[in-house]
């Protein structure tokens, strides 16, 4: 009878010790998975926004009818609002940079100085270049990488439909 009591007494602090050794590693693993998921969500949201904005831009319309008021003043402003519409709790306007450049055709994409700013005219090839700086959720990646955010980029190239000049 004395033997089981002694064994129980020796194991009394074992669970606390095991948790003290494995707890920080489990917490670090959980934070890494959470950070990775957050950054993946940001990248996916930016890609969806870029796809929808480029689809809208190719139509030549001034603004989509489903976009909440106020109406955008330009097609470029409508593109920005569409991207932000698809990521309301992920993307913030102050961290989003959008460049829209129109080219005469696909062959002109590689030619320096061939682009004109804006969503272009009917039949033109348009490059939508989106860049977003997403801050890290925890300070660990910032300490490891030496920066406070991760840059996400999405590019779409579309050819505008043959819409009437507007």
N, C-alpha and C. Protein backbone atom coordinates (compact mmCIF):
# COMPACT_ATOMS: atom_id res chain seq x y z
N UNK A 1 0.80 -1.21 0.00
CA UNK A 1 0.00 0.00 0.00
C UNK A 1 0.83 1.26 0.00
N UNK A 2 1.96 1.21 0.55
CA UNK A 2 2.80 2.40 0.56
C UNK A 2 3.38 2.70 -0.83
N UNK A 3 3.52 1.69 -1.62
CA UNK A 3 4.12 1.89 -2.93
C UNK A 3 3.26 2.76 -3.86
N UNK A 4 1.96 2.53 -4.05
CA UNK A 4 1.16 3.39 -4.92
C UNK A 4 1.10 4.83 -4.42
N UNK A 5 1.10 5.02 -3.11
CA UNK A 5 1.06 6.37 -2.57
C UNK A 5 2.33 7.14 -2.93
N UNK A 6 3.45 6.49 -2.87
CA UNK A 6 4.73 7.12 -3.20
C UNK A 6 4.77 7.47 -4.69
N UNK A 7 4.29 6.59 -5.55
CA UNK A 7 4.27 6.83 -6.99
C UNK A 7 3.37 8.03 -7.31
N UNK A 8 2.25 8.11 -6.62
CA UNK A 8 1.36 9.23 -6.84
C UNK A 8 2.01 10.54 -6.42
N UNK A 9 2.74 10.52 -5.35
CA UNK A 9 3.41 11.72 -4.84
C UNK A 9 4.50 12.18 -5.80
N UNK A 10 5.22 11.27 -6.41
CA UNK A 10 6.30 11.62 -7.33
C UNK A 10 5.78 12.24 -8.62
N UNK A 11 4.58 11.87 -9.04
CA UNK A 11 4.02 12.37 -10.31
C UNK A 11 3.19 13.65 -10.12
N UNK A 12 3.07 14.10 -8.90
CA UNK A 12 2.19 15.22 -8.62
C UNK A 12 2.54 16.47 -9.44
N UNK A 13 3.77 16.82 -9.62
CA UNK A 13 4.17 18.01 -10.38
C UNK A 13 4.50 17.73 -11.83
N UNK A 14 4.36 16.51 -12.28
CA UNK A 14 4.74 16.15 -13.64
C UNK A 14 3.87 16.85 -14.69
N UNK A 15 2.59 16.95 -14.44
CA UNK A 15 1.70 17.58 -15.42
C UNK A 15 2.02 19.06 -15.56
N UNK A 16 2.27 19.73 -14.46
CA UNK A 16 2.63 21.16 -14.50
C UNK A 16 3.95 21.35 -15.24
N UNK A 17 4.91 20.50 -14.98
CA UNK A 17 6.21 20.59 -15.64
C UNK A 17 6.07 20.33 -17.14
N UNK A 18 5.30 19.32 -17.52
CA UNK A 18 5.11 19.03 -18.94
C UNK A 18 4.42 20.19 -19.65
N UNK A 19 3.42 20.78 -19.02
CA UNK A 19 2.75 21.92 -19.63
C UNK A 19 3.70 23.12 -19.73
N UNK A 20 4.52 23.34 -18.72
CA UNK A 20 5.48 24.44 -18.76
C UNK A 20 6.48 24.27 -19.90
N UNK A 21 6.81 23.04 -20.23
CA UNK A 21 7.75 22.79 -21.32
C UNK A 21 7.09 22.84 -22.70
N UNK A 22 5.87 22.33 -22.81
CA UNK A 22 5.21 22.27 -24.12
C UNK A 22 4.28 23.44 -24.40
N UNK A 23 3.79 24.12 -23.38
CA UNK A 23 2.85 25.22 -23.53
C UNK A 23 3.34 26.34 -24.45
N UNK A 24 4.57 26.86 -24.24
CA UNK A 24 5.04 27.92 -25.12
C UNK A 24 5.16 27.48 -26.58
N UNK A 25 5.56 26.23 -26.81
CA UNK A 25 5.65 25.75 -28.19
C UNK A 25 4.27 25.64 -28.83
N UNK A 26 3.29 25.16 -28.08
CA UNK A 26 1.94 25.07 -28.60
C UNK A 26 1.36 26.46 -28.88
N UNK A 27 1.62 27.40 -28.00
CA UNK A 27 1.15 28.77 -28.19
C UNK A 27 1.81 29.39 -29.42
N UNK A 28 3.11 29.18 -29.59
CA UNK A 28 3.81 29.70 -30.77
C UNK A 28 3.27 29.08 -32.05
N UNK A 29 3.00 27.79 -32.03
CA UNK A 29 2.43 27.12 -33.20
C UNK A 29 1.05 27.66 -33.52
N UNK A 30 0.24 27.87 -32.51
CA UNK A 30 -1.10 28.40 -32.71
C UNK A 30 -1.04 29.82 -33.29
N UNK A 31 -0.16 30.66 -32.79
CA UNK A 31 -0.03 32.03 -33.30
C UNK A 31 0.49 32.04 -34.73
N UNK A 32 1.38 31.10 -35.07
CA UNK A 32 1.90 31.01 -36.43
C UNK A 32 0.79 30.63 -37.40
N UNK A 33 -0.03 29.67 -37.02
CA UNK A 33 -1.15 29.25 -37.87
C UNK A 33 -2.15 30.40 -38.03
N UNK A 34 -2.42 31.11 -36.97
CA UNK A 34 -3.35 32.24 -37.01
C UNK A 34 -2.81 33.35 -37.91
N UNK A 35 -1.54 33.66 -37.78
CA UNK A 35 -0.92 34.70 -38.63
C UNK A 35 -0.93 34.29 -40.09
N UNK A 36 -0.60 33.04 -40.36
CA UNK A 36 -0.62 32.55 -41.74
C UNK A 36 -2.01 32.61 -42.35
N UNK A 37 -3.01 32.24 -41.57
CA UNK A 37 -4.39 32.30 -42.06
C UNK A 37 -4.82 33.74 -42.34
N UNK A 38 -4.42 34.66 -41.48
CA UNK A 38 -4.76 36.08 -41.67
C UNK A 38 -4.13 36.62 -42.94
N UNK A 39 -2.87 36.31 -43.17
CA UNK A 39 -2.20 36.80 -44.37
C UNK A 39 -2.75 36.13 -45.63
N UNK A 40 -3.11 34.84 -45.54
CA UNK A 40 -3.72 34.15 -46.68
C UNK A 40 -5.10 34.74 -46.99
N UNK A 41 -5.87 35.09 -45.97
CA UNK A 41 -7.16 35.73 -46.18
C UNK A 41 -6.99 37.08 -46.87
N UNK A 42 -5.98 37.83 -46.47
CA UNK A 42 -5.72 39.12 -47.09
C UNK A 42 -5.38 38.95 -48.57
N UNK A 43 -4.51 38.00 -48.88
CA UNK A 43 -4.13 37.76 -50.28
C UNK A 43 -5.33 37.33 -51.12
N UNK A 44 -6.14 36.44 -50.58
CA UNK A 44 -7.32 35.97 -51.32
C UNK A 44 -8.33 37.10 -51.52
N UNK A 45 -8.54 37.91 -50.50
CA UNK A 45 -9.47 39.03 -50.59
C UNK A 45 -9.00 40.04 -51.63
N UNK A 46 -7.70 40.32 -51.65
CA UNK A 46 -7.16 41.25 -52.64
C UNK A 46 -7.32 40.69 -54.04
N UNK A 47 -7.11 39.40 -54.22
CA UNK A 47 -7.28 38.77 -55.53
C UNK A 47 -8.73 38.84 -56.01
N UNK A 48 -9.67 38.57 -55.11
CA UNK A 48 -11.09 38.64 -55.47
C UNK A 48 -11.47 40.08 -55.83
N UNK A 49 -11.01 41.02 -55.05
CA UNK A 49 -11.28 42.43 -55.35
C UNK A 49 -10.70 42.86 -56.67
N UNK A 50 -9.48 42.42 -56.97
CA UNK A 50 -8.85 42.76 -58.25
C UNK A 50 -9.61 42.14 -59.41
N UNK A 51 -10.04 40.90 -59.24
CA UNK A 51 -10.79 40.24 -60.31
C UNK A 51 -12.10 40.96 -60.59
N UNK A 52 -12.84 41.28 -59.54
CA UNK A 52 -14.13 41.94 -59.73
C UNK A 52 -13.97 43.36 -60.27
N UNK A 53 -12.96 44.07 -59.80
CA UNK A 53 -12.72 45.43 -60.27
C UNK A 53 -12.32 45.43 -61.74
N UNK A 54 -11.49 44.48 -62.14
CA UNK A 54 -11.08 44.43 -63.55
C UNK A 54 -12.24 44.00 -64.44
N UNK A 55 -13.10 43.13 -63.94
CA UNK A 55 -14.29 42.75 -64.71
C UNK A 55 -15.20 43.95 -64.91
N UNK A 56 -15.36 44.76 -63.87
CA UNK A 56 -16.16 45.97 -64.00
C UNK A 56 -15.49 46.94 -64.96
N UNK A 57 -14.19 47.16 -64.80
CA UNK A 57 -13.48 48.14 -65.63
C UNK A 57 -13.55 47.83 -67.11
N UNK A 58 -13.61 46.56 -67.45
CA UNK A 58 -13.64 46.16 -68.86
C UNK A 58 -14.95 46.52 -69.53
N UNK A 59 -16.00 46.78 -68.76
CA UNK A 59 -17.31 47.09 -69.35
C UNK A 59 -17.43 48.54 -69.79
N UNK A 60 -16.61 49.43 -69.22
CA UNK A 60 -16.69 50.83 -69.58
C UNK A 60 -17.76 51.60 -68.84
N UNK A 61 -18.48 50.95 -67.95
CA UNK A 61 -19.53 51.63 -67.19
C UNK A 61 -18.92 52.63 -66.21
N UNK A 62 -19.70 53.63 -65.84
CA UNK A 62 -19.21 54.64 -64.90
C UNK A 62 -19.11 54.07 -63.49
N UNK A 63 -20.11 53.27 -63.11
CA UNK A 63 -20.12 52.64 -61.78
C UNK A 63 -21.10 51.48 -61.80
N UNK A 64 -20.83 50.44 -61.03
CA UNK A 64 -21.81 49.35 -60.97
C UNK A 64 -23.06 49.80 -60.20
N UNK A 65 -24.21 49.26 -60.58
CA UNK A 65 -25.45 49.70 -59.94
C UNK A 65 -25.59 49.19 -58.50
N UNK A 66 -24.82 48.20 -58.11
CA UNK A 66 -24.92 47.66 -56.75
C UNK A 66 -24.02 48.36 -55.75
N UNK A 67 -23.16 49.25 -56.22
CA UNK A 67 -22.23 49.95 -55.33
C UNK A 67 -23.00 50.97 -54.49
N UNK A 68 -22.85 50.96 -53.16
CA UNK A 68 -23.61 51.90 -52.33
C UNK A 68 -23.21 53.35 -52.60
N UNK A 69 -24.15 54.29 -52.37
CA UNK A 69 -23.84 55.71 -52.60
C UNK A 69 -22.77 56.20 -51.64
N UNK A 70 -22.11 57.26 -51.95
CA UNK A 70 -22.27 58.15 -53.11
C UNK A 70 -21.64 57.53 -54.36
N UNK A 71 -22.11 57.98 -55.50
CA UNK A 71 -21.59 57.47 -56.78
C UNK A 71 -20.15 57.94 -56.96
N UNK A 72 -19.27 57.06 -57.44
CA UNK A 72 -17.88 57.47 -57.67
C UNK A 72 -17.78 58.48 -58.81
N UNK A 73 -16.83 59.38 -58.70
CA UNK A 73 -16.66 60.43 -59.71
C UNK A 73 -15.97 59.89 -60.97
N UNK A 74 -15.09 58.90 -60.83
CA UNK A 74 -14.36 58.36 -61.97
C UNK A 74 -14.42 56.84 -61.95
N UNK A 75 -14.06 56.22 -63.07
CA UNK A 75 -14.00 54.75 -63.12
C UNK A 75 -12.90 54.24 -62.19
N UNK A 76 -11.81 54.98 -62.06
CA UNK A 76 -10.71 54.57 -61.18
C UNK A 76 -11.14 54.57 -59.72
N UNK A 77 -11.95 55.55 -59.34
CA UNK A 77 -12.48 55.59 -57.98
C UNK A 77 -13.46 54.42 -57.77
N UNK A 78 -14.23 54.10 -58.80
CA UNK A 78 -15.14 52.95 -58.71
C UNK A 78 -14.35 51.66 -58.52
N UNK A 79 -13.22 51.53 -59.21
CA UNK A 79 -12.36 50.35 -59.06
C UNK A 79 -11.89 50.22 -57.61
N UNK A 80 -11.44 51.30 -57.03
CA UNK A 80 -10.99 51.29 -55.63
C UNK A 80 -12.13 50.88 -54.69
N UNK A 81 -13.30 51.44 -54.89
CA UNK A 81 -14.43 51.12 -54.02
C UNK A 81 -14.88 49.68 -54.18
N UNK A 82 -14.77 49.13 -55.39
CA UNK A 82 -15.13 47.72 -55.60
C UNK A 82 -14.17 46.81 -54.84
N UNK A 83 -12.88 47.09 -54.93
CA UNK A 83 -11.89 46.28 -54.21
C UNK A 83 -12.17 46.34 -52.71
N UNK A 84 -12.42 47.50 -52.17
CA UNK A 84 -12.69 47.65 -50.74
C UNK A 84 -14.03 47.02 -50.35
N UNK A 85 -14.98 47.00 -51.29
CA UNK A 85 -16.28 46.37 -51.02
C UNK A 85 -16.13 44.87 -50.76
N UNK A 86 -15.21 44.22 -51.45
CA UNK A 86 -15.04 42.78 -51.28
C UNK A 86 -14.18 42.41 -50.07
N UNK A 87 -13.63 43.36 -49.40
CA UNK A 87 -12.85 43.07 -48.19
C UNK A 87 -13.13 44.05 -47.08
N UNK A 88 -14.40 44.18 -46.65
CA UNK A 88 -14.74 45.24 -45.69
C UNK A 88 -14.08 45.12 -44.33
N UNK A 89 -13.79 43.91 -43.87
CA UNK A 89 -13.19 43.74 -42.54
C UNK A 89 -11.73 43.30 -42.63
N UNK A 90 -11.22 43.23 -43.84
CA UNK A 90 -9.84 42.80 -44.04
C UNK A 90 -8.99 43.93 -44.62
N UNK A 91 -9.51 44.60 -45.64
CA UNK A 91 -8.77 45.65 -46.32
C UNK A 91 -9.17 47.03 -45.80
N UNK A 92 -8.16 47.88 -45.62
CA UNK A 92 -8.39 49.26 -45.19
C UNK A 92 -7.89 50.19 -46.28
N UNK A 93 -8.66 51.24 -46.55
CA UNK A 93 -8.40 52.15 -47.65
C UNK A 93 -7.01 52.78 -47.60
N UNK A 94 -6.51 53.12 -46.42
CA UNK A 94 -5.23 53.81 -46.32
C UNK A 94 -4.03 52.93 -46.64
N UNK A 95 -4.19 51.61 -46.67
CA UNK A 95 -3.08 50.71 -46.96
C UNK A 95 -3.13 50.15 -48.38
N UNK A 96 -4.15 50.53 -49.14
CA UNK A 96 -4.36 50.01 -50.49
C UNK A 96 -3.83 50.98 -51.53
N UNK A 97 -3.03 50.46 -52.45
CA UNK A 97 -2.51 51.26 -53.55
C UNK A 97 -2.94 50.59 -54.86
N UNK A 98 -3.59 51.35 -55.73
CA UNK A 98 -4.07 50.82 -57.01
C UNK A 98 -3.50 51.66 -58.14
N UNK A 99 -2.93 50.98 -59.12
CA UNK A 99 -2.46 51.63 -60.33
C UNK A 99 -3.20 50.99 -61.50
N UNK A 100 -3.85 51.82 -62.31
CA UNK A 100 -4.56 51.34 -63.49
C UNK A 100 -3.93 52.01 -64.69
N UNK A 101 -3.45 51.19 -65.62
CA UNK A 101 -2.77 51.71 -66.80
C UNK A 101 -3.31 51.03 -68.05
N UNK A 102 -3.59 51.83 -69.07
CA UNK A 102 -4.15 51.31 -70.33
C UNK A 102 -3.06 51.29 -71.40
N UNK A 103 -3.11 50.24 -72.22
CA UNK A 103 -2.16 50.05 -73.31
C UNK A 103 -2.96 49.85 -74.61
N UNK A 104 -2.33 50.15 -75.74
CA UNK A 104 -2.99 50.00 -77.03
C UNK A 104 -3.34 48.54 -77.31
N UNK A 105 -2.51 47.63 -76.85
CA UNK A 105 -2.75 46.21 -77.07
C UNK A 105 -1.82 45.39 -76.20
N UNK A 106 -1.93 44.07 -76.25
CA UNK A 106 -1.10 43.22 -75.40
C UNK A 106 0.40 43.35 -75.70
N UNK A 107 0.77 43.62 -76.93
CA UNK A 107 2.19 43.74 -77.29
C UNK A 107 2.83 44.96 -76.64
N UNK A 108 2.03 45.97 -76.32
CA UNK A 108 2.56 47.20 -75.73
C UNK A 108 2.81 47.08 -74.23
N UNK A 109 2.39 45.98 -73.60
CA UNK A 109 2.56 45.83 -72.15
C UNK A 109 4.02 45.90 -71.73
N UNK A 110 4.92 45.38 -72.52
CA UNK A 110 6.33 45.37 -72.16
C UNK A 110 7.09 46.61 -72.60
N UNK A 111 6.45 47.51 -73.31
CA UNK A 111 7.11 48.70 -73.82
C UNK A 111 7.08 49.82 -72.78
N UNK A 112 8.26 50.32 -72.38
CA UNK A 112 8.28 51.43 -71.41
C UNK A 112 7.65 52.69 -72.01
N UNK A 113 6.85 53.36 -71.23
CA UNK A 113 6.23 54.61 -71.65
C UNK A 113 5.02 54.44 -72.55
N UNK A 114 4.59 53.22 -72.81
CA UNK A 114 3.44 53.00 -73.69
C UNK A 114 2.12 53.10 -72.96
N UNK A 115 2.16 53.18 -71.66
CA UNK A 115 0.92 53.19 -70.87
C UNK A 115 0.37 54.59 -70.71
N UNK A 116 -0.96 54.64 -70.63
CA UNK A 116 -1.62 55.88 -70.25
C UNK A 116 -2.41 55.59 -68.98
N UNK A 117 -2.41 56.53 -68.06
CA UNK A 117 -3.10 56.31 -66.78
C UNK A 117 -4.60 56.22 -67.01
N UNK A 118 -5.23 55.35 -66.24
CA UNK A 118 -6.68 55.23 -66.31
C UNK A 118 -7.12 53.88 -66.83
N UNK A 119 -8.44 53.69 -66.84
CA UNK A 119 -9.03 52.41 -67.22
C UNK A 119 -9.17 52.23 -68.72
N UNK A 120 -8.75 53.20 -69.51
CA UNK A 120 -8.68 53.04 -70.95
C UNK A 120 -10.00 53.15 -71.69
N UNK A 121 -9.87 53.01 -73.00
CA UNK A 121 -11.02 53.09 -73.90
C UNK A 121 -11.37 51.70 -74.40
N UNK A 122 -12.38 51.63 -75.24
CA UNK A 122 -12.85 50.35 -75.79
C UNK A 122 -11.72 49.65 -76.54
N UNK A 123 -11.57 48.35 -76.28
CA UNK A 123 -10.59 47.55 -76.99
C UNK A 123 -9.17 47.64 -76.46
N UNK A 124 -8.88 48.54 -75.54
CA UNK A 124 -7.53 48.66 -75.00
C UNK A 124 -7.27 47.56 -73.97
N UNK A 125 -6.00 47.25 -73.80
CA UNK A 125 -5.57 46.30 -72.78
C UNK A 125 -5.24 47.09 -71.52
N UNK A 126 -5.78 46.68 -70.39
CA UNK A 126 -5.63 47.44 -69.15
C UNK A 126 -4.98 46.57 -68.08
N UNK A 127 -3.99 47.13 -67.42
CA UNK A 127 -3.29 46.46 -66.32
C UNK A 127 -3.76 47.06 -65.00
N UNK A 128 -4.31 46.20 -64.15
CA UNK A 128 -4.72 46.59 -62.80
C UNK A 128 -3.66 46.05 -61.84
N UNK A 129 -2.96 46.93 -61.17
CA UNK A 129 -1.90 46.54 -60.25
C UNK A 129 -2.27 47.01 -58.85
N UNK A 130 -2.56 46.05 -57.96
CA UNK A 130 -2.97 46.36 -56.60
C UNK A 130 -1.88 45.95 -55.63
N UNK A 131 -1.63 46.80 -54.66
CA UNK A 131 -0.65 46.52 -53.62
C UNK A 131 -1.29 46.85 -52.28
N UNK A 132 -1.07 45.97 -51.29
CA UNK A 132 -1.67 46.18 -49.98
C UNK A 132 -0.66 45.80 -48.89
N UNK A 133 -0.51 46.67 -47.90
CA UNK A 133 0.37 46.43 -46.76
C UNK A 133 -0.48 45.96 -45.58
N UNK A 134 -0.38 44.67 -45.25
CA UNK A 134 -1.16 44.12 -44.13
C UNK A 134 -0.25 43.98 -42.91
N UNK A 135 -0.55 44.70 -41.82
CA UNK A 135 0.26 44.57 -40.61
C UNK A 135 0.09 43.18 -39.99
N UNK A 136 1.10 42.76 -39.27
CA UNK A 136 1.05 41.46 -38.59
C UNK A 136 0.13 41.55 -37.38
N UNK A 137 -0.47 40.43 -37.03
CA UNK A 137 -1.35 40.37 -35.86
C UNK A 137 -0.56 40.37 -34.56
N UNK A 138 0.61 39.74 -34.58
CA UNK A 138 1.44 39.61 -33.38
C UNK A 138 2.81 40.23 -33.65
N UNK A 139 3.55 40.57 -32.63
CA UNK A 139 4.87 41.17 -32.84
C UNK A 139 5.96 40.17 -33.24
N UNK A 140 5.69 38.88 -33.14
CA UNK A 140 6.72 37.87 -33.42
C UNK A 140 7.22 37.94 -34.85
N UNK A 141 6.34 37.94 -35.90
CA UNK A 141 6.85 38.04 -37.26
C UNK A 141 7.59 39.35 -37.52
N UNK A 142 7.12 40.42 -36.89
CA UNK A 142 7.79 41.71 -37.06
C UNK A 142 9.22 41.65 -36.51
N UNK A 143 9.41 40.97 -35.38
CA UNK A 143 10.74 40.83 -34.80
C UNK A 143 11.61 39.92 -35.66
N UNK A 144 11.02 38.85 -36.19
CA UNK A 144 11.79 37.90 -36.99
C UNK A 144 12.14 38.46 -38.37
N UNK A 145 11.21 39.20 -39.00
CA UNK A 145 11.43 39.69 -40.35
C UNK A 145 11.99 41.11 -40.39
N UNK A 146 11.91 41.82 -39.30
CA UNK A 146 12.44 43.17 -39.25
C UNK A 146 11.55 44.21 -39.93
N UNK A 147 10.29 43.91 -40.10
CA UNK A 147 9.34 44.87 -40.67
C UNK A 147 7.98 44.66 -40.01
N UNK A 148 7.12 45.65 -40.11
CA UNK A 148 5.86 45.60 -39.36
C UNK A 148 4.67 45.10 -40.18
N UNK A 149 4.88 44.86 -41.48
CA UNK A 149 3.77 44.42 -42.32
C UNK A 149 4.27 43.54 -43.45
N UNK A 150 3.32 42.94 -44.14
CA UNK A 150 3.63 42.10 -45.28
C UNK A 150 2.92 42.69 -46.49
N UNK A 151 3.64 42.82 -47.62
CA UNK A 151 3.05 43.39 -48.82
C UNK A 151 2.41 42.28 -49.65
N UNK A 152 1.15 42.51 -50.02
CA UNK A 152 0.42 41.60 -50.90
C UNK A 152 0.21 42.33 -52.23
N UNK A 153 0.38 41.60 -53.35
CA UNK A 153 0.19 42.20 -54.67
C UNK A 153 -0.73 41.33 -55.50
N UNK A 154 -1.50 41.99 -56.31
CA UNK A 154 -2.37 41.29 -57.26
C UNK A 154 -2.39 42.10 -58.54
N UNK A 155 -2.24 41.40 -59.66
CA UNK A 155 -2.26 42.07 -60.97
C UNK A 155 -3.25 41.36 -61.87
N UNK A 156 -4.00 42.14 -62.59
CA UNK A 156 -4.95 41.61 -63.56
C UNK A 156 -4.74 42.36 -64.88
N UNK A 157 -4.76 41.62 -65.96
CA UNK A 157 -4.69 42.22 -67.29
C UNK A 157 -5.95 41.83 -68.02
N UNK A 158 -6.70 42.82 -68.49
CA UNK A 158 -7.94 42.56 -69.21
C UNK A 158 -7.97 43.41 -70.48
N UNK A 159 -8.77 42.95 -71.39
CA UNK A 159 -9.02 43.74 -72.60
C UNK A 159 -10.42 44.31 -72.48
N UNK A 160 -10.51 45.62 -72.64
CA UNK A 160 -11.82 46.27 -72.52
C UNK A 160 -12.76 45.81 -73.63
N UNK A 161 -14.02 45.70 -73.26
CA UNK A 161 -15.05 45.36 -74.23
C UNK A 161 -15.24 46.49 -75.22
N UNK A 162 -15.88 46.22 -76.33
CA UNK A 162 -16.14 47.30 -77.30
C UNK A 162 -17.32 48.18 -76.87
N UNK A 163 -17.13 48.95 -75.81
CA UNK A 163 -18.18 49.81 -75.31
C UNK A 163 -18.15 51.14 -76.05
N UNK A 164 -19.26 51.88 -76.06
CA UNK A 164 -19.27 53.19 -76.73
C UNK A 164 -18.42 54.20 -75.97
N UNK A 165 -17.75 55.08 -76.69
CA UNK A 165 -16.92 56.10 -76.01
C UNK A 165 -17.78 56.95 -75.09
N UNK A 166 -17.21 57.25 -73.92
CA UNK A 166 -18.03 57.99 -72.97
C UNK A 166 -17.35 59.15 -72.46
